[in-house]
Amino acid sequence: MKNLLLPAVICLLFGWQSANCVEIIEIRVDIINGRYHVFGQSHLDASAEFIYETLIDYDNFHKLADGIAITNFLPPDEPGRLLAFSRFKSCILFFCKTVEKHEYIEGNPYNSINVQAIPERSDFSFNESRWLIETTDGKTLLTYEAEFEADFWIPPLIGPWAVHRKLARTAELVGSRIEWMYARGLTLSQISN
């Protein structure tokens, strides 16, 4: 019930129909051997093709979530390999840091997107993430998995709680925005910041 309250409020505030609001299934954050492991899963009312095309659009990805200042594709440093850059502000309570990542992106159209940060060009000593997209029961199941080790300080006692909170808010916002665009036939490139 708790996981459905925020999306319902978002839907009411922005005039989105409740039938078009994301359903969060599960969110987990663990620390294993000093690395954060995050897992999020939700059902969306949008096609797998639309979700894939939206998530792989790094030139406009920053429009999906608050706190992301810049995302864009860069000229590849290896032939045939997608290279991207992102900059976002990360805050845990009153500890804030601007974080940058250069990362390789590998897409398997309409099924998955794998992202691997380049440690020497990022604020992470390790960062890999994956989006999995599956159609089930007339909805699309979107799974996000990530493992990361930051090169910056994350308060140990509140870090997992803060990462979980941020992941939950971002999942609800991103999912609701994807559903809203899909229902209106819009793409990220048609949305202003």
N, C-alpha and C. Protein backbone atom coordinates (compact mmCIF):
# COMPACT_ATOMS: atom_id res chain seq x y z
N MET A 1 0.83 -1.19 0.00
CA MET A 1 0.00 0.00 0.00
C MET A 1 0.87 1.25 0.00
N LYS A 2 1.92 1.25 0.82
CA LYS A 2 2.81 2.39 0.93
C LYS A 2 3.44 2.72 -0.42
N ASN A 3 3.83 1.69 -1.19
CA ASN A 3 4.46 1.90 -2.49
C ASN A 3 3.51 2.50 -3.52
N LEU A 4 2.21 2.41 -3.30
CA LEU A 4 1.24 2.92 -4.27
C LEU A 4 0.81 4.35 -3.94
N LEU A 5 1.08 4.83 -2.73
CA LEU A 5 0.61 6.15 -2.32
C LEU A 5 1.28 7.27 -3.10
N LEU A 6 2.60 7.31 -3.19
CA LEU A 6 3.29 8.39 -3.88
C LEU A 6 2.92 8.45 -5.36
N PRO A 7 2.91 7.33 -6.10
CA PRO A 7 2.48 7.43 -7.49
C PRO A 7 1.06 7.97 -7.63
N ALA A 8 0.18 7.58 -6.72
CA ALA A 8 -1.20 8.08 -6.80
C ALA A 8 -1.23 9.59 -6.59
N VAL A 9 -0.45 10.09 -5.63
CA VAL A 9 -0.38 11.53 -5.39
C VAL A 9 0.20 12.24 -6.61
N ILE A 10 1.27 11.68 -7.19
CA ILE A 10 1.87 12.27 -8.40
C ILE A 10 0.83 12.34 -9.50
N CYS A 11 0.09 11.28 -9.67
CA CYS A 11 -0.93 11.23 -10.72
C CYS A 11 -1.99 12.30 -10.50
N LEU A 12 -2.44 12.46 -9.26
CA LEU A 12 -3.47 13.45 -8.97
C LEU A 12 -2.94 14.87 -9.16
N LEU A 13 -1.72 15.13 -8.70
CA LEU A 13 -1.15 16.47 -8.82
C LEU A 13 -0.94 16.89 -10.27
N PHE A 14 -0.51 15.97 -11.11
CA PHE A 14 -0.18 16.31 -12.48
C PHE A 14 -1.29 15.95 -13.46
N GLY A 15 -2.42 15.51 -12.94
CA GLY A 15 -3.55 15.22 -13.80
C GLY A 15 -3.41 13.93 -14.58
N TRP A 16 -2.49 13.09 -14.20
CA TRP A 16 -2.31 11.82 -14.89
C TRP A 16 -3.36 10.85 -14.38
N GLN A 17 -3.91 10.06 -15.25
CA GLN A 17 -4.90 9.07 -14.83
C GLN A 17 -4.21 8.00 -14.00
N SER A 18 -4.87 7.57 -12.94
CA SER A 18 -4.25 6.57 -12.07
C SER A 18 -3.96 5.28 -12.80
N ALA A 19 -4.69 5.00 -13.88
CA ALA A 19 -4.42 3.79 -14.65
C ALA A 19 -3.07 3.88 -15.36
N ASN A 20 -2.54 5.08 -15.49
CA ASN A 20 -1.26 5.27 -16.18
C ASN A 20 -0.15 5.62 -15.21
N CYS A 21 -0.20 5.11 -13.99
CA CYS A 21 0.86 5.39 -13.02
C CYS A 21 1.59 4.11 -12.65
N VAL A 22 2.88 4.24 -12.53
CA VAL A 22 3.78 3.11 -12.33
C VAL A 22 3.43 2.33 -11.06
N GLU A 23 3.63 1.03 -11.13
CA GLU A 23 3.44 0.15 -9.99
C GLU A 23 4.81 -0.39 -9.57
N ILE A 24 5.31 0.08 -8.43
CA ILE A 24 6.60 -0.39 -7.92
C ILE A 24 6.38 -1.75 -7.27
N ILE A 25 7.14 -2.74 -7.69
CA ILE A 25 7.01 -4.09 -7.15
C ILE A 25 7.99 -4.30 -6.00
N GLU A 26 9.24 -3.91 -6.22
CA GLU A 26 10.26 -4.17 -5.19
C GLU A 26 11.43 -3.21 -5.37
N ILE A 27 12.01 -2.81 -4.23
CA ILE A 27 13.24 -2.02 -4.23
C ILE A 27 14.10 -2.54 -3.09
N ARG A 28 15.35 -2.85 -3.42
CA ARG A 28 16.29 -3.36 -2.41
C ARG A 28 17.63 -2.65 -2.55
N VAL A 29 18.28 -2.43 -1.42
CA VAL A 29 19.64 -1.89 -1.40
C VAL A 29 20.43 -2.69 -0.37
N ASP A 30 21.54 -3.26 -0.80
CA ASP A 30 22.42 -4.01 0.10
C ASP A 30 23.85 -3.54 -0.11
N ILE A 31 24.66 -3.72 0.92
CA ILE A 31 26.10 -3.49 0.78
C ILE A 31 26.77 -4.84 0.96
N ILE A 32 27.52 -5.25 -0.05
CA ILE A 32 28.23 -6.53 -0.02
C ILE A 32 29.69 -6.26 -0.37
N ASN A 33 30.60 -6.58 0.54
CA ASN A 33 32.03 -6.36 0.35
C ASN A 33 32.34 -4.92 -0.06
N GLY A 34 31.67 -3.97 0.59
CA GLY A 34 31.95 -2.55 0.35
C GLY A 34 31.28 -1.96 -0.88
N ARG A 35 30.53 -2.76 -1.62
CA ARG A 35 29.85 -2.26 -2.81
C ARG A 35 28.34 -2.24 -2.59
N TYR A 36 27.73 -1.20 -3.10
CA TYR A 36 26.27 -1.12 -3.07
C TYR A 36 25.70 -1.99 -4.18
N HIS A 37 24.67 -2.73 -3.83
CA HIS A 37 23.92 -3.54 -4.80
C HIS A 37 22.48 -3.05 -4.71
N VAL A 38 21.97 -2.54 -5.82
CA VAL A 38 20.60 -2.04 -5.82
C VAL A 38 19.76 -2.82 -6.82
N PHE A 39 18.49 -2.96 -6.48
CA PHE A 39 17.55 -3.71 -7.33
C PHE A 39 16.21 -3.00 -7.26
N GLY A 40 15.64 -2.74 -8.40
CA GLY A 40 14.31 -2.14 -8.46
C GLY A 40 13.51 -2.79 -9.56
N GLN A 41 12.24 -3.00 -9.30
CA GLN A 41 11.39 -3.65 -10.29
C GLN A 41 10.01 -2.99 -10.26
N SER A 42 9.47 -2.74 -11.46
CA SER A 42 8.16 -2.11 -11.55
C SER A 42 7.43 -2.56 -12.81
N HIS A 43 6.11 -2.43 -12.78
CA HIS A 43 5.27 -2.66 -13.96
C HIS A 43 4.92 -1.30 -14.54
N LEU A 44 5.04 -1.18 -15.85
CA LEU A 44 4.67 0.07 -16.52
C LEU A 44 3.65 -0.20 -17.61
N ASP A 45 2.77 0.76 -17.80
CA ASP A 45 1.81 0.72 -18.90
C ASP A 45 2.42 1.42 -20.10
N ALA A 46 3.39 0.77 -20.73
CA ALA A 46 4.05 1.26 -21.94
C ALA A 46 4.69 0.05 -22.60
N SER A 47 4.86 0.12 -23.90
CA SER A 47 5.44 -1.01 -24.62
C SER A 47 6.93 -1.15 -24.32
N ALA A 48 7.43 -2.37 -24.46
CA ALA A 48 8.86 -2.63 -24.27
C ALA A 48 9.68 -1.79 -25.24
N GLU A 49 9.20 -1.65 -26.46
CA GLU A 49 9.91 -0.87 -27.47
C GLU A 49 10.03 0.59 -27.04
N PHE A 50 8.93 1.15 -26.54
CA PHE A 50 8.94 2.55 -26.11
C PHE A 50 9.87 2.75 -24.92
N ILE A 51 9.79 1.86 -23.95
CA ILE A 51 10.64 1.97 -22.76
C ILE A 51 12.11 1.87 -23.16
N TYR A 52 12.45 0.92 -24.00
CA TYR A 52 13.83 0.76 -24.45
C TYR A 52 14.32 2.04 -25.14
N GLU A 53 13.54 2.53 -26.11
CA GLU A 53 13.95 3.73 -26.86
C GLU A 53 14.09 4.94 -25.95
N THR A 54 13.28 5.01 -24.90
CA THR A 54 13.36 6.12 -23.95
C THR A 54 14.62 6.01 -23.10
N LEU A 55 14.89 4.83 -22.56
CA LEU A 55 16.04 4.65 -21.67
C LEU A 55 17.38 4.74 -22.39
N ILE A 56 17.42 4.37 -23.67
CA ILE A 56 18.68 4.39 -24.43
C ILE A 56 18.97 5.78 -25.00
N ASP A 57 18.03 6.70 -24.88
CA ASP A 57 18.19 8.06 -25.43
C ASP A 57 19.00 8.93 -24.47
N TYR A 58 20.31 8.70 -24.44
CA TYR A 58 21.17 9.41 -23.50
C TYR A 58 21.28 10.90 -23.79
N ASP A 59 21.01 11.32 -25.02
CA ASP A 59 21.03 12.75 -25.30
C ASP A 59 19.89 13.48 -24.59
N ASN A 60 18.88 12.75 -24.18
CA ASN A 60 17.72 13.35 -23.50
C ASN A 60 17.39 12.68 -22.17
N PHE A 61 18.16 11.70 -21.74
CA PHE A 61 17.86 10.92 -20.54
C PHE A 61 17.70 11.81 -19.30
N HIS A 62 18.45 12.91 -19.25
CA HIS A 62 18.40 13.80 -18.09
C HIS A 62 17.00 14.37 -17.85
N LYS A 63 16.13 14.31 -18.85
CA LYS A 63 14.76 14.82 -18.70
C LYS A 63 13.87 13.87 -17.88
N LEU A 64 14.35 12.65 -17.67
CA LEU A 64 13.54 11.66 -16.97
C LEU A 64 13.56 11.80 -15.46
N ALA A 65 14.68 12.21 -14.89
CA ALA A 65 14.81 12.19 -13.43
C ALA A 65 15.38 13.51 -12.92
N ASP A 66 14.87 13.94 -11.79
CA ASP A 66 15.39 15.15 -11.15
C ASP A 66 16.80 14.89 -10.64
N GLY A 67 17.61 15.92 -10.63
CA GLY A 67 18.97 15.81 -10.13
C GLY A 67 19.99 15.47 -11.19
N ILE A 68 19.54 15.01 -12.35
CA ILE A 68 20.47 14.71 -13.43
C ILE A 68 20.60 15.97 -14.28
N ALA A 69 21.79 16.57 -14.27
CA ALA A 69 21.99 17.84 -14.98
C ALA A 69 22.26 17.62 -16.47
N ILE A 70 23.11 16.65 -16.78
CA ILE A 70 23.54 16.43 -18.17
C ILE A 70 23.64 14.94 -18.44
N THR A 71 23.16 14.53 -19.59
CA THR A 71 23.44 13.20 -20.14
C THR A 71 23.57 13.38 -21.64
N ASN A 72 24.58 12.78 -22.22
CA ASN A 72 24.70 12.84 -23.67
C ASN A 72 25.66 11.77 -24.17
N PHE A 73 25.44 11.41 -25.44
CA PHE A 73 26.37 10.51 -26.10
C PHE A 73 27.61 11.30 -26.48
N LEU A 74 28.75 10.63 -26.46
CA LEU A 74 30.03 11.21 -26.86
C LEU A 74 30.52 10.47 -28.10
N PRO A 75 31.46 11.08 -28.83
CA PRO A 75 32.06 10.32 -29.94
C PRO A 75 32.71 9.05 -29.38
N PRO A 76 32.51 7.92 -30.02
CA PRO A 76 33.05 6.66 -29.48
C PRO A 76 34.58 6.66 -29.45
N ASP A 77 35.14 6.07 -28.39
CA ASP A 77 36.59 5.90 -28.34
C ASP A 77 36.99 4.53 -28.88
N GLU A 78 36.00 3.68 -29.11
CA GLU A 78 36.21 2.38 -29.76
C GLU A 78 35.12 2.23 -30.81
N PRO A 79 35.47 1.80 -32.02
CA PRO A 79 34.46 1.67 -33.08
C PRO A 79 33.31 0.75 -32.64
N GLY A 80 32.09 1.21 -32.87
CA GLY A 80 30.91 0.40 -32.59
C GLY A 80 30.50 0.33 -31.14
N ARG A 81 31.16 1.06 -30.26
CA ARG A 81 30.83 1.03 -28.84
C ARG A 81 30.28 2.38 -28.41
N LEU A 82 29.06 2.39 -27.86
CA LEU A 82 28.44 3.64 -27.42
C LEU A 82 29.11 4.16 -26.16
N LEU A 83 29.45 5.44 -26.18
CA LEU A 83 30.08 6.10 -25.04
C LEU A 83 29.19 7.27 -24.63
N ALA A 84 28.96 7.41 -23.34
CA ALA A 84 28.08 8.47 -22.85
C ALA A 84 28.70 9.15 -21.63
N PHE A 85 28.16 10.33 -21.34
CA PHE A 85 28.59 11.12 -20.19
C PHE A 85 27.35 11.53 -19.41
N SER A 86 27.46 11.52 -18.09
CA SER A 86 26.38 12.04 -17.26
C SER A 86 26.96 12.80 -16.07
N ARG A 87 26.23 13.81 -15.66
CA ARG A 87 26.59 14.59 -14.47
C ARG A 87 25.31 14.76 -13.66
N PHE A 88 25.40 14.44 -12.39
CA PHE A 88 24.23 14.60 -11.53
C PHE A 88 24.66 15.01 -10.14
N LYS A 89 23.72 15.58 -9.41
CA LYS A 89 23.99 15.99 -8.04
C LYS A 89 23.45 14.91 -7.13
N SER A 90 24.31 14.42 -6.27
CA SER A 90 23.94 13.36 -5.35
C SER A 90 23.99 13.91 -3.93
N CYS A 91 22.88 13.81 -3.22
CA CYS A 91 22.82 14.32 -1.85
C CYS A 91 22.32 13.25 -0.90
N ILE A 92 22.98 13.15 0.23
CA ILE A 92 22.52 12.31 1.33
C ILE A 92 22.44 13.24 2.53
N LEU A 93 21.20 13.53 2.92
CA LEU A 93 20.90 14.56 3.91
C LEU A 93 21.54 15.87 3.45
N PHE A 94 22.51 16.41 4.21
CA PHE A 94 23.12 17.67 3.80
C PHE A 94 24.49 17.46 3.14
N PHE A 95 24.88 16.22 2.88
CA PHE A 95 26.11 15.93 2.16
C PHE A 95 25.79 15.86 0.67
N CYS A 96 26.28 16.80 -0.10
CA CYS A 96 26.00 16.83 -1.55
C CYS A 96 27.30 16.81 -2.34
N LYS A 97 27.22 16.18 -3.50
CA LYS A 97 28.38 16.11 -4.39
C LYS A 97 27.88 16.06 -5.83
N THR A 98 28.58 16.78 -6.69
CA THR A 98 28.33 16.66 -8.12
C THR A 98 29.15 15.48 -8.62
N VAL A 99 28.49 14.54 -9.25
CA VAL A 99 29.10 13.29 -9.67
C VAL A 99 29.11 13.22 -11.19
N GLU A 100 30.25 12.78 -11.74
CA GLU A 100 30.36 12.62 -13.19
C GLU A 100 30.72 11.18 -13.52
N LYS A 101 30.17 10.72 -14.66
CA LYS A 101 30.47 9.37 -15.14
C LYS A 101 30.64 9.39 -16.65
N HIS A 102 31.67 8.73 -17.10
CA HIS A 102 31.81 8.34 -18.51
C HIS A 102 31.52 6.85 -18.51
N GLU A 103 30.69 6.41 -19.45
CA GLU A 103 30.28 5.02 -19.40
C GLU A 103 30.01 4.46 -20.79
N TYR A 104 30.24 3.17 -20.89
CA TYR A 104 29.91 2.44 -22.11
C TYR A 104 28.49 1.92 -21.98
N ILE A 105 27.75 2.01 -23.08
CA ILE A 105 26.37 1.54 -23.09
C ILE A 105 26.22 0.50 -24.19
N GLU A 106 25.64 -0.61 -23.80
CA GLU A 106 25.39 -1.70 -24.75
C GLU A 106 23.90 -2.03 -24.71
N GLY A 107 23.24 -1.86 -25.84
CA GLY A 107 21.82 -2.12 -25.89
C GLY A 107 21.50 -3.38 -26.67
N ASN A 108 20.56 -4.14 -26.16
CA ASN A 108 19.98 -5.28 -26.85
C ASN A 108 18.53 -4.88 -27.10
N PRO A 109 18.22 -4.36 -28.31
CA PRO A 109 16.94 -3.70 -28.55
C PRO A 109 15.72 -4.41 -27.96
N TYR A 110 15.01 -3.60 -27.18
CA TYR A 110 13.73 -3.93 -26.57
C TYR A 110 13.83 -4.96 -25.44
N ASN A 111 15.04 -5.40 -25.09
CA ASN A 111 15.21 -6.39 -24.02
C ASN A 111 16.07 -5.91 -22.85
N SER A 112 17.20 -5.27 -23.15
CA SER A 112 18.09 -4.89 -22.06
C SER A 112 19.04 -3.77 -22.48
N ILE A 113 19.54 -3.08 -21.46
CA ILE A 113 20.57 -2.05 -21.63
C ILE A 113 21.59 -2.28 -20.52
N ASN A 114 22.85 -2.46 -20.89
CA ASN A 114 23.93 -2.64 -19.93
C ASN A 114 24.82 -1.41 -19.96
N VAL A 115 25.18 -0.93 -18.77
CA VAL A 115 25.99 0.28 -18.65
C VAL A 115 27.18 -0.03 -17.75
N GLN A 116 28.37 0.38 -18.22
CA GLN A 116 29.59 0.14 -17.45
C GLN A 116 30.40 1.43 -17.39
N ALA A 117 30.60 1.95 -16.17
CA ALA A 117 31.38 3.17 -16.00
C ALA A 117 32.86 2.91 -16.27
N ILE A 118 33.54 3.93 -16.74
CA ILE A 118 34.98 3.88 -16.95
C ILE A 118 35.61 4.51 -15.71
N PRO A 119 36.16 3.70 -14.80
CA PRO A 119 36.60 4.21 -13.49
C PRO A 119 37.56 5.40 -13.57
N GLU A 120 38.52 5.36 -14.47
CA GLU A 120 39.50 6.45 -14.54
C GLU A 120 38.91 7.75 -15.08
N ARG A 121 37.67 7.70 -15.55
CA ARG A 121 37.00 8.90 -16.07
C ARG A 121 35.67 9.13 -15.35
N SER A 122 35.56 8.59 -14.14
CA SER A 122 34.30 8.68 -13.39
C SER A 122 34.57 8.86 -11.91
N ASP A 123 33.53 9.22 -11.19
CA ASP A 123 33.62 9.34 -9.73
C ASP A 123 33.25 8.04 -9.03
N PHE A 124 33.43 6.94 -9.74
CA PHE A 124 33.18 5.61 -9.20
C PHE A 124 34.36 4.71 -9.51
N SER A 125 34.82 3.96 -8.50
CA SER A 125 35.87 2.98 -8.78
C SER A 125 35.27 1.76 -9.47
N PHE A 126 33.94 1.58 -9.30
CA PHE A 126 33.22 0.51 -9.99
C PHE A 126 31.76 0.92 -10.09
N ASN A 127 31.18 0.74 -11.28
CA ASN A 127 29.76 1.03 -11.45
C ASN A 127 29.27 0.32 -12.70
N GLU A 128 28.43 -0.67 -12.50
CA GLU A 128 27.78 -1.38 -13.60
C GLU A 128 26.29 -1.44 -13.30
N SER A 129 25.49 -1.23 -14.34
CA SER A 129 24.05 -1.32 -14.15
C SER A 129 23.41 -1.97 -15.37
N ARG A 130 22.18 -2.42 -15.16
CA ARG A 130 21.47 -3.11 -16.24
C ARG A 130 19.98 -2.85 -16.10
N TRP A 131 19.36 -2.54 -17.22
CA TRP A 131 17.91 -2.46 -17.34
C TRP A 131 17.45 -3.70 -18.07
N LEU A 132 16.47 -4.40 -17.54
CA LEU A 132 15.85 -5.55 -18.21
C LEU A 132 14.40 -5.19 -18.49
N ILE A 133 13.94 -5.47 -19.71
CA ILE A 133 12.60 -5.09 -20.13
C ILE A 133 11.88 -6.34 -20.64
N GLU A 134 10.76 -6.70 -19.99
CA GLU A 134 10.00 -7.89 -20.38
C GLU A 134 8.51 -7.56 -20.41
N THR A 135 7.80 -8.13 -21.37
CA THR A 135 6.36 -7.96 -21.42
C THR A 135 5.70 -9.12 -20.69
N THR A 136 4.85 -8.79 -19.69
CA THR A 136 4.13 -9.80 -18.92
C THR A 136 2.73 -9.31 -18.63
N ASP A 137 1.76 -10.15 -18.83
CA ASP A 137 0.36 -9.86 -18.48
C ASP A 137 -0.13 -8.51 -18.99
N GLY A 138 0.23 -8.16 -20.22
CA GLY A 138 -0.25 -6.92 -20.82
C GLY A 138 0.46 -5.66 -20.33
N LYS A 139 1.42 -5.82 -19.43
CA LYS A 139 2.22 -4.69 -18.96
C LYS A 139 3.67 -5.01 -19.25
N THR A 140 4.52 -4.03 -19.02
CA THR A 140 5.94 -4.25 -19.20
C THR A 140 6.62 -4.25 -17.84
N LEU A 141 7.37 -5.30 -17.58
CA LEU A 141 8.14 -5.43 -16.35
C LEU A 141 9.50 -4.81 -16.59
N LEU A 142 9.83 -3.78 -15.81
CA LEU A 142 11.11 -3.10 -15.93
C LEU A 142 11.92 -3.39 -14.67
N THR A 143 13.10 -3.96 -14.86
CA THR A 143 13.99 -4.29 -13.75
C THR A 143 15.27 -3.49 -13.89
N TYR A 144 15.70 -2.89 -12.78
CA TYR A 144 16.96 -2.14 -12.76
C TYR A 144 17.85 -2.79 -11.71
N GLU A 145 19.06 -3.14 -12.11
CA GLU A 145 20.05 -3.71 -11.20
C GLU A 145 21.34 -2.91 -11.34
N ALA A 146 21.97 -2.62 -10.23
CA ALA A 146 23.24 -1.91 -10.28
C ALA A 146 24.14 -2.36 -9.13
N GLU A 147 25.42 -2.27 -9.41
CA GLU A 147 26.44 -2.51 -8.39
C GLU A 147 27.43 -1.37 -8.53
N PHE A 148 27.72 -0.70 -7.40
CA PHE A 148 28.66 0.41 -7.50
C PHE A 148 29.48 0.59 -6.23
N GLU A 149 30.64 1.18 -6.43
CA GLU A 149 31.53 1.59 -5.34
C GLU A 149 31.98 3.01 -5.68
N ALA A 150 31.56 3.95 -4.86
CA ALA A 150 31.84 5.36 -5.13
C ALA A 150 33.26 5.73 -4.73
N ASP A 151 33.83 6.69 -5.46
CA ASP A 151 35.13 7.26 -5.11
C ASP A 151 34.97 8.46 -4.17
N PHE A 152 33.78 8.65 -3.67
CA PHE A 152 33.50 9.74 -2.75
C PHE A 152 32.85 9.14 -1.50
N TRP A 153 32.85 9.90 -0.43
CA TRP A 153 32.36 9.40 0.85
C TRP A 153 30.84 9.34 0.88
N ILE A 154 30.31 8.21 1.31
CA ILE A 154 28.89 8.04 1.56
C ILE A 154 28.76 7.69 3.04
N PRO A 155 28.01 8.47 3.81
CA PRO A 155 27.90 8.19 5.25
C PRO A 155 27.46 6.74 5.50
N PRO A 156 28.26 5.96 6.21
CA PRO A 156 27.99 4.52 6.33
C PRO A 156 26.69 4.17 7.05
N LEU A 157 26.29 4.93 8.04
CA LEU A 157 25.10 4.56 8.80
C LEU A 157 23.81 4.89 8.07
N ILE A 158 23.81 5.96 7.29
CA ILE A 158 22.58 6.36 6.61
C ILE A 158 22.64 6.13 5.10
N GLY A 159 23.80 5.73 4.59
CA GLY A 159 23.96 5.53 3.15
C GLY A 159 22.94 4.59 2.53
N PRO A 160 22.80 3.36 3.05
CA PRO A 160 21.82 2.44 2.45
C PRO A 160 20.39 2.97 2.49
N TRP A 161 20.01 3.59 3.59
CA TRP A 161 18.67 4.18 3.69
C TRP A 161 18.49 5.28 2.65
N ALA A 162 19.49 6.15 2.51
CA ALA A 162 19.39 7.27 1.57
C ALA A 162 19.37 6.78 0.12
N VAL A 163 20.18 5.79 -0.20
CA VAL A 163 20.20 5.23 -1.56
C VAL A 163 18.85 4.59 -1.86
N HIS A 164 18.29 3.85 -0.90
CA HIS A 164 16.97 3.22 -1.08
C HIS A 164 15.91 4.29 -1.33
N ARG A 165 15.93 5.32 -0.53
CA ARG A 165 14.95 6.41 -0.66
C ARG A 165 15.05 7.07 -2.03
N LYS A 166 16.27 7.38 -2.45
CA LYS A 166 16.49 8.01 -3.76
C LYS A 166 16.04 7.09 -4.89
N LEU A 167 16.37 5.81 -4.79
CA LEU A 167 15.97 4.84 -5.82
C LEU A 167 14.45 4.74 -5.91
N ALA A 168 13.77 4.71 -4.77
CA ALA A 168 12.30 4.62 -4.78
C ALA A 168 11.68 5.85 -5.43
N ARG A 169 12.14 7.02 -5.06
CA ARG A 169 11.60 8.26 -5.65
C ARG A 169 11.89 8.33 -7.14
N THR A 170 13.10 7.97 -7.52
CA THR A 170 13.47 8.02 -8.94
C THR A 170 12.68 7.01 -9.75
N ALA A 171 12.50 5.80 -9.22
CA ALA A 171 11.73 4.78 -9.94
C ALA A 171 10.30 5.24 -10.17
N GLU A 172 9.69 5.83 -9.16
CA GLU A 172 8.32 6.31 -9.31
C GLU A 172 8.23 7.45 -10.32
N LEU A 173 9.18 8.37 -10.26
CA LEU A 173 9.18 9.51 -11.16
C LEU A 173 9.45 9.08 -12.60
N VAL A 174 10.50 8.30 -12.81
CA VAL A 174 10.86 7.84 -14.15
C VAL A 174 9.72 7.00 -14.75
N GLY A 175 9.20 6.07 -13.97
CA GLY A 175 8.11 5.24 -14.46
C GLY A 175 6.88 6.05 -14.83
N SER A 176 6.51 7.00 -13.98
CA SER A 176 5.34 7.84 -14.26
C SER A 176 5.56 8.71 -15.49
N ARG A 177 6.77 9.23 -15.65
CA ARG A 177 7.05 10.05 -16.84
C ARG A 177 7.02 9.22 -18.12
N ILE A 178 7.56 8.01 -18.05
CA ILE A 178 7.52 7.13 -19.23
C ILE A 178 6.07 6.82 -19.59
N GLU A 179 5.26 6.46 -18.62
CA GLU A 179 3.85 6.15 -18.89
C GLU A 179 3.11 7.37 -19.42
N TRP A 180 3.38 8.53 -18.87
CA TRP A 180 2.72 9.76 -19.30
C TRP A 180 3.07 10.05 -20.77
N MET A 181 4.34 9.95 -21.12
CA MET A 181 4.76 10.19 -22.51
C MET A 181 4.13 9.16 -23.45
N TYR A 182 4.16 7.91 -23.04
CA TYR A 182 3.62 6.83 -23.88
C TYR A 182 2.13 7.05 -24.16
N ALA A 183 1.38 7.43 -23.13
CA ALA A 183 -0.06 7.64 -23.29
C ALA A 183 -0.36 8.80 -24.24
N ARG A 184 0.59 9.72 -24.39
CA ARG A 184 0.39 10.89 -25.24
C ARG A 184 1.15 10.82 -26.56
N GLY A 185 1.85 9.72 -26.78
CA GLY A 185 2.60 9.56 -28.02
C GLY A 185 3.79 10.49 -28.15
N LEU A 186 4.41 10.85 -27.01
CA LEU A 186 5.55 11.76 -26.99
C LEU A 186 6.84 11.01 -26.73
N THR A 187 7.94 11.56 -27.20
CA THR A 187 9.27 11.02 -26.90
C THR A 187 10.03 12.03 -26.05
N LEU A 188 11.15 11.60 -25.48
CA LEU A 188 11.96 12.51 -24.66
C LEU A 188 12.41 13.74 -25.43
N SER A 189 12.73 13.58 -26.71
CA SER A 189 13.20 14.72 -27.50
C SER A 189 12.11 15.78 -27.67
N GLN A 190 10.86 15.42 -27.46
CA GLN A 190 9.75 16.36 -27.59
C GLN A 190 9.40 17.04 -26.26
N ILE A 191 10.04 16.64 -25.19
CA ILE A 191 9.76 17.17 -23.86
C ILE A 191 10.81 18.22 -23.52
N SER A 192 10.37 19.36 -22.96
CA SER A 192 11.34 20.37 -22.53
C SER A 192 11.81 20.05 -21.12
N ASN A 193 12.94 20.61 -20.75
CA ASN A 193 13.49 20.37 -19.41
C ASN A 193 12.62 20.94 -18.34
